[in-house]
Amino acid sequence: MATEKFGPHMLRRACATPLLSTGSSLKDIADFLGHSDLRSVSNYAKFDAASLKSVAKFSLRGVL
């Protein structure tokens, strides 16, 4: 097993992804992880395919 699979980046991703999926903002996740730059958080907070599909199916019909 490669040790890079179990380093601090995986721990951050393991924390950030569930926070994102439960509605936490990238700013909140950045603060939680100790980042001042939101671009850094995007490396850890990954969307899953099911979440992306639900966003893609969202209709703006009647909203605009």
N, C-alpha and C. Protein backbone atom coordinates (compact mmCIF):
# COMPACT_ATOMS: atom_id res chain seq x y z
N MET A 1 0.83 -1.19 0.00
CA MET A 1 0.00 0.00 0.00
C MET A 1 0.87 1.24 0.00
N ALA A 2 0.48 2.20 -0.77
CA ALA A 2 1.21 3.46 -0.82
C ALA A 2 0.81 4.33 0.37
N THR A 3 1.78 4.93 0.99
CA THR A 3 1.48 5.74 2.18
C THR A 3 0.73 7.02 1.83
N GLU A 4 0.85 7.53 0.59
CA GLU A 4 0.15 8.76 0.24
C GLU A 4 -1.37 8.60 0.26
N LYS A 5 -1.86 7.38 0.26
CA LYS A 5 -3.30 7.16 0.34
C LYS A 5 -3.85 7.43 1.74
N PHE A 6 -2.98 7.50 2.72
CA PHE A 6 -3.43 7.65 4.09
C PHE A 6 -2.83 8.88 4.78
N GLY A 7 -2.47 9.89 4.02
CA GLY A 7 -1.85 11.08 4.57
C GLY A 7 -2.86 12.12 5.01
N PRO A 8 -2.38 13.30 5.35
CA PRO A 8 -3.24 14.38 5.83
C PRO A 8 -4.24 14.85 4.78
N HIS A 9 -3.89 14.73 3.51
CA HIS A 9 -4.83 15.16 2.46
C HIS A 9 -6.07 14.27 2.44
N MET A 10 -5.90 12.98 2.65
CA MET A 10 -7.06 12.09 2.69
C MET A 10 -7.93 12.39 3.91
N LEU A 11 -7.32 12.74 5.02
CA LEU A 11 -8.08 13.10 6.21
C LEU A 11 -8.88 14.36 5.96
N ARG A 12 -8.26 15.34 5.32
CA ARG A 12 -8.98 16.58 5.00
C ARG A 12 -10.14 16.30 4.04
N ARG A 13 -9.89 15.45 3.03
CA ARG A 13 -10.95 15.11 2.08
C ARG A 13 -12.07 14.36 2.79
N ALA A 14 -11.70 13.48 3.71
CA ALA A 14 -12.71 12.71 4.45
C ALA A 14 -13.58 13.63 5.31
N CYS A 15 -13.05 14.75 5.72
CA CYS A 15 -13.83 15.72 6.50
C CYS A 15 -14.61 16.66 5.59
N ALA A 16 -13.97 17.13 4.54
CA ALA A 16 -14.56 18.17 3.69
C ALA A 16 -15.72 17.67 2.84
N THR A 17 -15.61 16.49 2.28
CA THR A 17 -16.65 16.01 1.37
C THR A 17 -18.00 15.84 2.06
N PRO A 18 -18.07 15.21 3.23
CA PRO A 18 -19.38 15.13 3.91
C PRO A 18 -19.93 16.50 4.32
N LEU A 19 -19.04 17.41 4.71
CA LEU A 19 -19.51 18.76 5.05
C LEU A 19 -20.15 19.42 3.84
N LEU A 20 -19.53 19.26 2.69
CA LEU A 20 -20.08 19.81 1.46
C LEU A 20 -21.41 19.17 1.11
N SER A 21 -21.50 17.87 1.26
CA SER A 21 -22.74 17.17 0.89
C SER A 21 -23.89 17.47 1.83
N THR A 22 -23.61 17.95 3.03
CA THR A 22 -24.69 18.31 3.96
C THR A 22 -25.01 19.79 3.94
N GLY A 23 -24.41 20.51 2.98
CA GLY A 23 -24.79 21.91 2.79
C GLY A 23 -23.86 22.96 3.35
N SER A 24 -22.73 22.58 3.89
CA SER A 24 -21.79 23.58 4.39
C SER A 24 -21.21 24.36 3.22
N SER A 25 -20.99 25.63 3.44
CA SER A 25 -20.41 26.46 2.37
C SER A 25 -18.91 26.20 2.26
N LEU A 26 -18.34 26.52 1.10
CA LEU A 26 -16.90 26.37 0.94
C LEU A 26 -16.15 27.25 1.93
N LYS A 27 -16.70 28.41 2.26
CA LYS A 27 -16.08 29.29 3.25
C LYS A 27 -16.04 28.61 4.61
N ASP A 28 -17.14 28.00 5.02
CA ASP A 28 -17.18 27.30 6.30
C ASP A 28 -16.19 26.13 6.33
N ILE A 29 -16.12 25.40 5.22
CA ILE A 29 -15.20 24.27 5.15
C ILE A 29 -13.75 24.77 5.20
N ALA A 30 -13.48 25.87 4.49
CA ALA A 30 -12.13 26.45 4.51
C ALA A 30 -11.74 26.86 5.93
N ASP A 31 -12.66 27.49 6.63
CA ASP A 31 -12.40 27.89 8.02
C ASP A 31 -12.14 26.66 8.89
N PHE A 32 -12.94 25.62 8.71
CA PHE A 32 -12.80 24.40 9.49
C PHE A 32 -11.44 23.73 9.25
N LEU A 33 -11.01 23.73 7.98
CA LEU A 33 -9.74 23.09 7.63
C LEU A 33 -8.53 24.01 7.86
N GLY A 34 -8.79 25.27 8.18
CA GLY A 34 -7.69 26.20 8.43
C GLY A 34 -7.11 26.83 7.18
N HIS A 35 -7.92 26.92 6.13
CA HIS A 35 -7.47 27.53 4.88
C HIS A 35 -8.02 28.95 4.77
N SER A 36 -7.21 29.86 4.23
CA SER A 36 -7.71 31.21 3.98
C SER A 36 -8.13 31.37 2.52
N ASP A 37 -7.73 30.45 1.67
CA ASP A 37 -8.03 30.52 0.26
C ASP A 37 -9.03 29.42 -0.12
N LEU A 38 -10.17 29.83 -0.67
CA LEU A 38 -11.20 28.86 -1.03
C LEU A 38 -10.74 27.91 -2.12
N ARG A 39 -9.79 28.33 -2.94
CA ARG A 39 -9.29 27.43 -3.99
C ARG A 39 -8.63 26.20 -3.39
N SER A 40 -8.02 26.35 -2.23
CA SER A 40 -7.40 25.21 -1.56
C SER A 40 -8.44 24.17 -1.16
N VAL A 41 -9.60 24.64 -0.76
CA VAL A 41 -10.65 23.73 -0.30
C VAL A 41 -11.18 22.89 -1.45
N SER A 42 -11.16 23.44 -2.65
CA SER A 42 -11.69 22.69 -3.79
C SER A 42 -10.90 21.41 -4.04
N ASN A 43 -9.68 21.34 -3.55
CA ASN A 43 -8.89 20.11 -3.67
C ASN A 43 -9.41 19.01 -2.76
N TYR A 44 -10.07 19.38 -1.68
CA TYR A 44 -10.53 18.41 -0.69
C TYR A 44 -12.02 18.13 -0.79
N ALA A 45 -12.79 19.13 -1.09
CA ALA A 45 -14.24 18.99 -1.12
C ALA A 45 -14.67 18.60 -2.53
N LYS A 46 -14.98 17.34 -2.71
CA LYS A 46 -15.35 16.82 -4.02
C LYS A 46 -16.84 16.47 -4.05
N PHE A 47 -17.48 16.81 -5.16
CA PHE A 47 -18.87 16.44 -5.34
C PHE A 47 -18.95 15.00 -5.82
N ASP A 48 -19.97 14.31 -5.40
CA ASP A 48 -20.18 12.97 -5.91
C ASP A 48 -21.13 13.04 -7.10
N ALA A 49 -21.15 12.01 -7.91
CA ALA A 49 -21.94 11.98 -9.14
C ALA A 49 -23.43 12.18 -8.86
N ALA A 50 -23.94 11.60 -7.80
CA ALA A 50 -25.37 11.73 -7.48
C ALA A 50 -25.73 13.19 -7.20
N SER A 51 -24.87 13.90 -6.50
CA SER A 51 -25.12 15.32 -6.22
C SER A 51 -25.14 16.13 -7.50
N LEU A 52 -24.20 15.85 -8.39
CA LEU A 52 -24.13 16.58 -9.65
C LEU A 52 -25.36 16.29 -10.52
N LYS A 53 -25.84 15.06 -10.50
CA LYS A 53 -27.03 14.72 -11.27
C LYS A 53 -28.25 15.47 -10.74
N SER A 54 -28.38 15.60 -9.44
CA SER A 54 -29.53 16.30 -8.88
C SER A 54 -29.49 17.79 -9.24
N VAL A 55 -28.32 18.37 -9.30
CA VAL A 55 -28.19 19.77 -9.70
C VAL A 55 -28.53 19.91 -11.18
N ALA A 56 -28.05 18.98 -12.00
CA ALA A 56 -28.30 19.03 -13.44
C ALA A 56 -29.78 18.89 -13.75
N LYS A 57 -30.52 18.18 -12.93
CA LYS A 57 -31.95 17.97 -13.17
C LYS A 57 -32.80 19.14 -12.69
N PHE A 58 -32.22 20.03 -11.92
CA PHE A 58 -32.97 21.17 -11.37
C PHE A 58 -33.44 22.08 -12.51
N SER A 59 -34.68 22.45 -12.48
CA SER A 59 -35.25 23.29 -13.53
C SER A 59 -35.50 24.70 -12.99
N LEU A 60 -35.13 25.67 -13.79
CA LEU A 60 -35.39 27.07 -13.44
C LEU A 60 -36.72 27.56 -14.04
N ARG A 61 -37.44 26.66 -14.66
CA ARG A 61 -38.71 27.02 -15.26
C ARG A 61 -39.64 27.56 -14.19
N GLY A 62 -40.17 28.72 -14.45
CA GLY A 62 -41.08 29.34 -13.50
C GLY A 62 -40.38 30.18 -12.45
N VAL A 63 -39.06 30.06 -12.35
CA VAL A 63 -38.30 30.83 -11.38
C VAL A 63 -37.87 32.17 -11.96
N LEU A 64 -37.45 32.12 -13.20
CA LEU A 64 -36.94 33.33 -13.86
C LEU A 64 -38.01 34.01 -14.65
